[in-house]
PDB file of N, CA and C in Angstrom:
ATOM      1  N   MET A   1     160.561 109.823  55.524  1.00  0.00           N
ATOM      2  CA  MET A   1     159.640 108.515  55.685  1.00  0.00           C
ATOM      3  C   MET A   1     158.410 107.761  54.570  1.00  0.00           C
ATOM      4  N   THR A   2     158.565 106.949  55.271  1.00  0.00           N
ATOM      5  CA  THR A   2     157.833 106.073  54.251  1.00  0.00           C
ATOM      6  C   THR A   2     155.958 106.364  54.703  1.00  0.00           C
ATOM      7  N   ASP A   3     155.244 106.203  55.860  1.00  0.00           N
ATOM      8  CA  ASP A   3     154.522 106.588  57.078  1.00  0.00           C
ATOM      9  C   ASP A   3     153.641 108.137  56.024  1.00  0.00           C
ATOM     10  N   SER A   4     154.479 108.801  55.653  1.00  0.00           N
ATOM     11  CA  SER A   4     154.085 110.806  55.518  1.00  0.00           C
ATOM     12  C   SER A   4     152.699 110.271  54.489  1.00  0.00           C
ATOM     13  N   TYR A   5     152.565 109.542  53.524  1.00  0.00           N
ATOM     14  CA  TYR A   5     151.948 109.232  52.504  1.00  0.00           C
ATOM     15  C   TYR A   5     150.866 108.224  52.335  1.00  0.00           C
ATOM     16  N   ARG A   6     149.673 108.057  52.068  1.00  0.00           N
ATOM     17  CA  ARG A   6     148.745 107.213  51.836  1.00  0.00           C
ATOM     18  C   ARG A   6     149.808 106.040  50.580  1.00  0.00           C
ATOM     19  N   LYS A   7     148.913 105.191  50.956  1.00  0.00           N
ATOM     20  CA  LYS A   7     149.366 104.165  50.162  1.00  0.00           C
ATOM     21  C   LYS A   7     148.186 103.985  49.202  1.00  0.00           C
ATOM     22  N   THR A   8     146.792 104.124  49.583  1.00  0.00           N
ATOM     23  CA  THR A   8     146.037 103.632  48.521  1.00  0.00           C
ATOM     24  C   THR A   8     145.188 105.262  48.450  1.00  0.00           C
ATOM     25  N   PRO A   9     144.131 105.483  48.024  1.00  0.00           N
ATOM     26  CA  PRO A   9     143.380 106.591  47.539  1.00  0.00           C
ATOM     27  C   PRO A   9     142.470 106.694  48.491  1.00  0.00           C
ATOM     28  N   VAL A  10     141.796 106.027  49.390  1.00  0.00           N
ATOM     29  CA  VAL A  10     140.524 106.353  49.836  1.00  0.00           C
ATOM     30  C   VAL A  10     140.072 107.102  50.933  1.00  0.00           C
ATOM     31  N   PHE A  11     139.561 107.300  51.307  1.00  0.00           N
ATOM     32  CA  PHE A  11     139.207 108.493  51.903  1.00  0.00           C
ATOM     33  C   PHE A  11     138.159 108.835  52.447  1.00  0.00           C
ATOM     34  N   SER A  12     137.590 109.259  53.806  1.00  0.00           N
ATOM     35  CA  SER A  12     136.791 109.198  54.306  1.00  0.00           C
ATOM     36  C   SER A  12     135.472 109.937  53.314  1.00  0.00           C
ATOM     37  N   MET A  13     134.232 110.016  54.026  1.00  0.00           N
ATOM     38  CA  MET A  13     133.224 111.310  52.902  1.00  0.00           C
ATOM     39  C   MET A  13     132.719 112.213  54.544  1.00  0.00           C
ATOM     40  N   THR A  14     132.947 113.046  54.204  1.00  0.00           N
ATOM     41  CA  THR A  14     131.785 113.571  55.579  1.00  0.00           C
ATOM     42  C   THR A  14     131.116 114.626  55.098  1.00  0.00           C
ATOM     43  N   VAL A  15     129.743 115.160  55.081  1.00  0.00           N
ATOM     44  CA  VAL A  15     128.900 116.307  54.972  1.00  0.00           C
ATOM     45  C   VAL A  15     128.892 116.866  56.235  1.00  0.00           C
ATOM     46  N   GLY A  16     129.743 118.305  55.431  1.00  0.00           N
ATOM     47  CA  GLY A  16     129.646 119.602  56.631  1.00  0.00           C
ATOM     48  C   GLY A  16     131.201 119.893  56.584  1.00  0.00           C
ATOM     49  N   GLY A  17     131.694 119.524  55.663  1.00  0.00           N
ATOM     50  CA  GLY A  17     133.306 120.232  55.331  1.00  0.00           C
ATOM     51  C   GLY A  17     134.146 118.936  55.513  1.00  0.00           C
ATOM     52  N   HIS A  18     135.733 119.686  54.799  1.00  0.00           N
ATOM     53  CA  HIS A  18     136.705 118.731  55.304  1.00  0.00           C
ATOM     54  C   HIS A  18     136.766 118.558  56.427  1.00  0.00           C
ATOM     55  N   ASN A  19     137.460 117.306  56.546  1.00  0.00           N
ATOM     56  CA  ASN A  19     138.193 117.420  58.032  1.00  0.00           C
ATOM     57  C   ASN A  19     137.574 117.322  59.265  1.00  0.00           C
ATOM     58  N   ARG A  20     135.918 116.927  59.019  1.00  0.00           N
ATOM     59  CA  ARG A  20     135.065 116.441  60.303  1.00  0.00           C
ATOM     60  C   ARG A  20     134.575 115.417  59.633  1.00  0.00           C
ATOM     61  N   GLY A  21     134.938 114.577  61.156  1.00  0.00           N
ATOM     62  CA  GLY A  21     134.667 114.073  61.286  1.00  0.00           C
ATOM     63  C   GLY A  21     133.504 112.539  62.229  1.00  0.00           C
ATOM     64  N   GLU A  22     133.345 111.605  62.859  1.00  0.00           N
ATOM     65  CA  GLU A  22     132.607 111.413  63.329  1.00  0.00           C
ATOM     66  C   GLU A  22     132.703 111.273  65.196  1.00  0.00           C
ATOM     67  N   LYS A  23     133.798 112.154  65.492  1.00  0.00           N
ATOM     68  CA  LYS A  23     134.151 112.405  66.588  1.00  0.00           C
ATOM     69  C   LYS A  23     133.164 113.227  67.451  1.00  0.00           C
ATOM     70  N   SER A  24     132.645 114.242  67.030  1.00  0.00           N
ATOM     71  CA  SER A  24     131.547 115.148  67.773  1.00  0.00           C
ATOM     72  C   SER A  24     130.587 114.425  67.972  1.00  0.00           C
ATOM     73  N   ASP A  25     129.780 113.835  66.735  1.00  0.00           N
ATOM     74  CA  ASP A  25     128.930 112.110  67.054  1.00  0.00           C
ATOM     75  C   ASP A  25     128.510 111.433  67.901  1.00  0.00           C
ATOM     76  N   LYS A  26     130.062 110.724  68.285  1.00  0.00           N
ATOM     77  CA  LYS A  26     129.647 109.593  68.730  1.00  0.00           C
ATOM     78  C   LYS A  26     130.149 110.741  70.094  1.00  0.00           C
ATOM     79  N   GLN A  27     130.836 111.752  70.466  1.00  0.00           N
ATOM     80  CA  GLN A  27     130.530 112.623  71.779  1.00  0.00           C
ATOM     81  C   GLN A  27     129.050 112.780  72.666  1.00  0.00           C
ATOM     82  N   ARG A  28     128.648 113.454  71.350  1.00  0.00           N
ATOM     83  CA  ARG A  28     126.872 113.582  71.839  1.00  0.00           C
ATOM     84  C   ARG A  28     126.146 112.175  71.649  1.00  0.00           C
ATOM     85  N   ALA A  29     126.866 111.080  71.052  1.00  0.00           N
ATOM     86  CA  ALA A  29     125.382 109.920  71.563  1.00  0.00           C
ATOM     87  C   ALA A  29     125.904 109.173  72.729  1.00  0.00           C
ATOM     88  N   ASN A  30     127.279 109.852  73.374  1.00  0.00           N
ATOM     89  CA  ASN A  30     127.969 109.211  74.267  1.00  0.00           C
ATOM     90  C   ASN A  30     127.248 110.043  75.932  1.00  0.00           C
ATOM     91  N   ARG A  31     126.901 111.338  75.199  1.00  0.00           N
ATOM     92  CA  ARG A  31     126.634 112.060  76.641  1.00  0.00           C
ATOM     93  C   ARG A  31     125.362 111.789  76.853  1.00  0.00           C
ATOM     94  N   GLN A  32     124.205 111.646  75.569  1.00  0.00           N
ATOM     95  CA  GLN A  32     122.816 111.138  75.835  1.00  0.00           C
ATOM     96  C   GLN A  32     122.691 110.351  76.544  1.00  0.00           C
ATOM     97  N   GLU A  33     123.065 109.038  76.112  1.00  0.00           N
ATOM     98  CA  GLU A  33     123.564 107.961  76.919  1.00  0.00           C
ATOM     99  C   GLU A  33     123.786 107.983  78.046  1.00  0.00           C
ATOM    100  N   ARG A  34     124.731 108.457  78.912  1.00  0.00           N
ATOM    101  CA  ARG A  34     125.228 108.697  80.417  1.00  0.00           C
ATOM    102  C   ARG A  34     124.045 109.654  80.900  1.00  0.00           C
ATOM    103  N   ARG A  35     123.487 110.795  80.089  1.00  0.00           N
ATOM    104  CA  ARG A  35     122.537 111.837  80.922  1.00  0.00           C
ATOM    105  C   ARG A  35     120.902 110.731  81.148  1.00  0.00           C
ATOM    106  N   VAL A  36     120.758 110.106  80.222  1.00  0.00           N
ATOM    107  CA  VAL A  36     119.605 109.152  80.076  1.00  0.00           C
ATOM    108  C   VAL A  36     119.462 108.509  81.142  1.00  0.00           C
ATOM    109  N   ILE A  37     120.535 107.737  81.349  1.00  0.00           N
ATOM    110  CA  ILE A  37     120.994 106.458  82.358  1.00  0.00           C
ATOM    111  C   ILE A  37     121.027 107.326  83.990  1.00  0.00           C
ATOM    112  N   GLY A  38     121.788 108.198  83.865  1.00  0.00           N
ATOM    113  CA  GLY A  38     121.586 109.744  84.843  1.00  0.00           C
ATOM    114  C   GLY A  38     120.587 109.464  86.052  1.00  0.00           C
ATOM    115  N   GLN A  39     119.669 109.553  84.984  1.00  0.00           N
ATOM    116  CA  GLN A  39     118.115 110.396  85.057  1.00  0.00           C
ATOM    117  C   GLN A  39     117.426 109.200  85.555  1.00  0.00           C
ATOM    118  N   MET A  40     117.703 107.869  85.023  1.00  0.00           N
ATOM    119  CA  MET A  40     116.904 106.710  85.343  1.00  0.00           C
ATOM    120  C   MET A  40     117.201 106.258  87.043  1.00  0.00           C
ATOM    121  N   THR A  41     118.432 106.425  86.851  1.00  0.00           N
ATOM    122  CA  THR A  41     118.969 105.447  87.853  1.00  0.00           C
ATOM    123  C   THR A  41     118.811 106.499  88.934  1.00  0.00           C
ATOM    124  N   HIS A  42     118.633 107.734  88.908  1.00  0.00           N
ATOM    125  CA  HIS A  42     118.452 109.076  90.183  1.00  0.00           C
ATOM    126  C   HIS A  42     116.749 108.610  90.363  1.00  0.00           C
ATOM    127  N   THR A  43     115.633 108.789  89.591  1.00  0.00           N
ATOM    128  CA  THR A  43     114.050 108.349  89.584  1.00  0.00           C
ATOM    129  C   THR A  43     114.004 106.659  89.473  1.00  0.00           C
ATOM    130  N   LEU A  44     114.547 105.916  89.893  1.00  0.00           N
ATOM    131  CA  LEU A  44     114.178 104.429  89.617  1.00  0.00           C
ATOM    132  C   LEU A  44     114.593 104.493  91.425  1.00  0.00           C
ATOM    133  N   ALA A  45     113.845 103.606  91.528  1.00  0.00           N
ATOM    134  CA  ALA A  45     113.768 102.841  93.228  1.00  0.00           C
ATOM    135  C   ALA A  45     114.366 101.779  93.054  1.00  0.00           C
ATOM    136  N   PHE A  46     115.562 101.974  93.546  1.00  0.00           N
ATOM    137  CA  PHE A  46     115.814  99.559  93.667  1.00  0.00           C
ATOM    138  C   PHE A  46     115.604  99.211  94.134  1.00  0.00           C
ATOM    139  N   ASP A  47     115.052  99.260  95.508  1.00  0.00           N
ATOM    140  CA  ASP A  47     114.165  98.065  96.588  1.00  0.00           C
ATOM    141  C   ASP A  47     112.924  97.502  95.511  1.00  0.00           C
ATOM    142  N   GLU A  48     112.671  97.834  94.289  1.00  0.00           N
ATOM    143  CA  GLU A  48     111.483  97.726  93.484  1.00  0.00           C
ATOM    144  C   GLU A  48     111.868  96.786  93.208  1.00  0.00           C
ATOM    145  N   ASP A  49     112.336  96.848  91.259  1.00  0.00           N
ATOM    146  CA  ASP A  49     113.656  96.324  90.400  1.00  0.00           C
ATOM    147  C   ASP A  49     115.253  96.857  90.851  1.00  0.00           C
ATOM    148  N   PRO A  50     116.067  95.627  91.369  1.00  0.00           N
ATOM    149  CA  PRO A  50     117.347  95.748  91.744  1.00  0.00           C
ATOM    150  C   PRO A  50     117.938  95.621  90.220  1.00  0.00           C
ATOM    151  N   HIS A  51     117.282  95.151  89.214  1.00  0.00           N
ATOM    152  CA  HIS A  51     118.154  95.078  87.706  1.00  0.00           C
ATOM    153  C   HIS A  51     117.226  95.994  86.935  1.00  0.00           C
ATOM    154  N   PRO A  52     117.132  97.093  86.985  1.00  0.00           N
ATOM    155  CA  PRO A  52     116.490  97.772  86.065  1.00  0.00           C
ATOM    156  C   PRO A  52     116.872  97.621  84.557  1.00  0.00           C
ATOM    157  N   VAL A  53     116.478  97.512  83.322  1.00  0.00           N
ATOM    158  CA  VAL A  53     116.326  97.719  82.565  1.00  0.00           C
ATOM    159  C   VAL A  53     117.121  98.973  81.429  1.00  0.00           C
ATOM    160  N   LEU A  54     117.951  99.449  81.084  1.00  0.00           N
ATOM    161  CA  LEU A  54     118.824 100.447  81.027  1.00  0.00           C
ATOM    162  C   LEU A  54     118.715 100.122  79.160  1.00  0.00           C
ATOM    163  N   PRO A  55     118.721 100.946  78.822  1.00  0.00           N
ATOM    164  CA  PRO A  55     118.914 100.898  77.122  1.00  0.00           C
ATOM    165  C   PRO A  55     119.851 101.756  76.314  1.00  0.00           C
ATOM    166  N   LYS A  56     119.997 100.879  75.274  1.00  0.00           N
ATOM    167  CA  LYS A  56     121.078 100.134  74.622  1.00  0.00           C
ATOM    168  C   LYS A  56     121.662 102.160  73.818  1.00  0.00           C
ATOM    169  N   LYS A  57     122.835 102.131  73.606  1.00  0.00           N
ATOM    170  CA  LYS A  57     123.143 103.453  73.075  1.00  0.00           C
ATOM    171  C   LYS A  57     122.634 103.630  71.628  1.00  0.00           C
ATOM    172  N   ARG A  58     122.446 102.344  70.731  1.00  0.00           N
ATOM    173  CA  ARG A  58     121.734 102.587  69.647  1.00  0.00           C
ATOM    174  C   ARG A  58     120.317 102.836  69.625  1.00  0.00           C
ATOM    175  N   GLU A  59     119.842 102.569  70.638  1.00  0.00           N
ATOM    176  CA  GLU A  59     118.323 103.020  71.595  1.00  0.00           C
ATOM    177  C   GLU A  59     118.269 104.677  71.404  1.00  0.00           C
ATOM    178  N   LEU A  60     118.714 105.009  72.057  1.00  0.00           N
ATOM    179  CA  LEU A  60     119.181 106.195  71.504  1.00  0.00           C
ATOM    180  C   LEU A  60     119.421 107.392  70.876  1.00  0.00           C
ATOM    181  N   SER A  61     120.221 106.788  70.368  1.00  0.00           N
ATOM    182  CA  SER A  61     121.056 107.659  68.839  1.00  0.00           C
ATOM    183  C   SER A  61     120.903 107.285  67.485  1.00  0.00           C
ATOM    184  N   ASN A  62     121.173 107.875  66.395  1.00  0.00           N
ATOM    185  CA  ASN A  62     120.757 107.195  64.944  1.00  0.00           C
ATOM    186  C   ASN A  62     122.061 107.353  64.239  1.00  0.00           C
ATOM    187  N   VAL A  63     122.096 106.344  63.910  1.00  0.00           N
ATOM    188  CA  VAL A  63     124.300 105.700  63.756  1.00  0.00           C
ATOM    189  C   VAL A  63     123.909 106.220  61.652  1.00  0.00           C
ATOM    190  N   TRP A  64     122.700 106.411  61.627  1.00  0.00           N
ATOM    191  CA  TRP A  64     122.478 107.225  60.326  1.00  0.00           C
ATOM    192  C   TRP A  64     122.638 108.655  60.105  1.00  0.00           C
ATOM    193  N   GLY A  65     122.263 109.084  60.970  1.00  0.00           N
ATOM    194  CA  GLY A  65     122.362 110.544  60.911  1.00  0.00           C
ATOM    195  C   GLY A  65     123.579 110.979  61.171  1.00  0.00           C
ATOM    196  N   PHE A  66     124.577 110.814  61.266  1.00  0.00           N
ATOM    197  CA  PHE A  66     126.115 111.347  61.581  1.00  0.00           C
ATOM    198  C   PHE A  66     126.354 111.581  60.251  1.00  0.00           C
ATOM    199  N   ARG A  67     127.400 112.500  60.328  1.00  0.00           N
ATOM    200  CA  ARG A  67     128.274 112.817  59.507  1.00  0.00           C
ATOM    201  C   ARG A  67     129.245 112.598  58.323  1.00  0.00           C
ATOM    202  N   LYS A  68     129.569 111.327  58.937  1.00  0.00           N
ATOM    203  CA  LYS A  68     130.491 110.618  58.343  1.00  0.00           C
ATOM    204  C   LYS A  68     129.111 109.663  57.207  1.00  0.00           C
ATOM    205  N   ASP A  69     130.106 109.338  55.978  1.00  0.00           N
ATOM    206  CA  ASP A  69     129.315 108.952  54.823  1.00  0.00           C
ATOM    207  C   ASP A  69     130.122 108.173  54.397  1.00  0.00           C
ATOM    208  N   GLY A  70     130.699 107.148  55.318  1.00  0.00           N
ATOM    209  CA  GLY A  70     131.498 106.284  54.881  1.00  0.00           C
ATOM    210  C   GLY A  70     133.061 106.487  53.701  1.00  0.00           C
ATOM    211  N   ARG A  71     133.384 105.813  52.889  1.00  0.00           N
ATOM    212  CA  ARG A  71     134.609 105.495  53.092  1.00  0.00           C
ATOM    213  C   ARG A  71     134.987 105.077  50.882  1.00  0.00           C
ATOM    214  N   ARG A  72     135.442 106.259  50.304  1.00  0.00           N
ATOM    215  CA  ARG A  72     135.296 106.120  48.922  1.00  0.00           C
ATOM    216  C   ARG A  72     136.695 105.991  48.624  1.00  0.00           C
ATOM    217  N   TRP A  73     136.369 105.668  47.541  1.00  0.00           N
ATOM    218  CA  TRP A  73     137.797 105.272  46.067  1.00  0.00           C
ATOM    219  C   TRP A  73     138.089 107.098  45.284  1.00  0.00           C
ATOM    220  N   TRP A  74     139.512 107.253  45.311  1.00  0.00           N
ATOM    221  CA  TRP A  74     139.675 108.580  44.989  1.00  0.00           C
ATOM    222  C   TRP A  74     140.552 108.525  43.996  1.00  0.00           C
ATOM    223  N   PRO A  75     140.629 107.633  42.611  1.00  0.00           N
ATOM    224  CA  PRO A  75     141.772 107.555  42.151  1.00  0.00           C
ATOM    225  C   PRO A  75     142.570 108.605  41.543  1.00  0.00           C
ATOM    226  N   ASN A  76     141.709 109.659  41.339  1.00  0.00           N
ATOM    227  CA  ASN A  76     142.728 110.926  40.961  1.00  0.00           C
ATOM    228  C   ASN A  76     143.315 111.362  41.961  1.00  0.00           C
ATOM    229  N   ALA A  77     143.539 111.722  42.869  1.00  0.00           N
ATOM    230  CA  ALA A  77     143.908 112.192  44.100  1.00  0.00           C
ATOM    231  C   ALA A  77     145.258 112.333  43.656  1.00  0.00           C
ATOM    232  N   HIS A  78     145.197 113.893  43.878  1.00  0.00           N
ATOM    233  CA  HIS A  78     147.055 114.718  44.207  1.00  0.00           C
ATOM    234  C   HIS A  78     147.527 114.319  45.000  1.00  0.00           C
ATOM    235  N   GLU A  79     148.769 114.774  44.743  1.00  0.00           N
ATOM    236  CA  GLU A  79     149.795 114.060  45.963  1.00  0.00           C
ATOM    237  C   GLU A  79     149.866 114.829  47.592  1.00  0.00           C
ATOM    238  N   SER A  80     149.509 116.302  47.192  1.00  0.00           N
ATOM    239  CA  SER A  80     148.317 117.253  48.342  1.00  0.00           C
ATOM    240  C   SER A  80     147.785 115.979  49.457  1.00  0.00           C
ATOM    241  N   ASP A  81     146.688 115.409  48.271  1.00  0.00           N
ATOM    242  CA  ASP A  81     145.655 115.101  48.891  1.00  0.00           C
ATOM    243  C   ASP A  81     146.285 113.664  49.973  1.00  0.00           C
ATOM    244  N   MET A  82     146.837 112.653  49.001  1.00  0.00           N
ATOM    245  CA  MET A  82     147.462 111.571  49.600  1.00  0.00           C
ATOM    246  C   MET A  82     148.677 112.156  50.882  1.00  0.00           C
ATOM    247  N   ARG A  83     148.484 112.727  51.748  1.00  0.00           N
ATOM    248  CA  ARG A  83     149.907 113.447  52.685  1.00  0.00           C
ATOM    249  C   ARG A  83     148.762 112.996  53.867  1.00  0.00           C
ATOM    250  N   LYS A  84     149.417 112.915  54.624  1.00  0.00           N
ATOM    251  CA  LYS A  84     148.594 112.270  56.307  1.00  0.00           C
ATOM    252  C   LYS A  84     148.249 113.242  57.555  1.00  0.00           C
TER     253      LYS A  84
END
């Protein structure tokens, strides 16, 4: 199959070991956003302010603190590294 191997040796660099992407970081950020918005909606009186200003995800979490550190070119990659 032609899609079984990478064509270019570009890999994601993560902190904390191999194959740890940013999925858990995104899950944690989304859960935090839902928790804060849920707490705000339970405590706000919508009679006083029908359209409250809710925080954005970027205000609650720090993208620079995620595990993934971008992508890097790895010119000396072995064939086993180039498998998908």
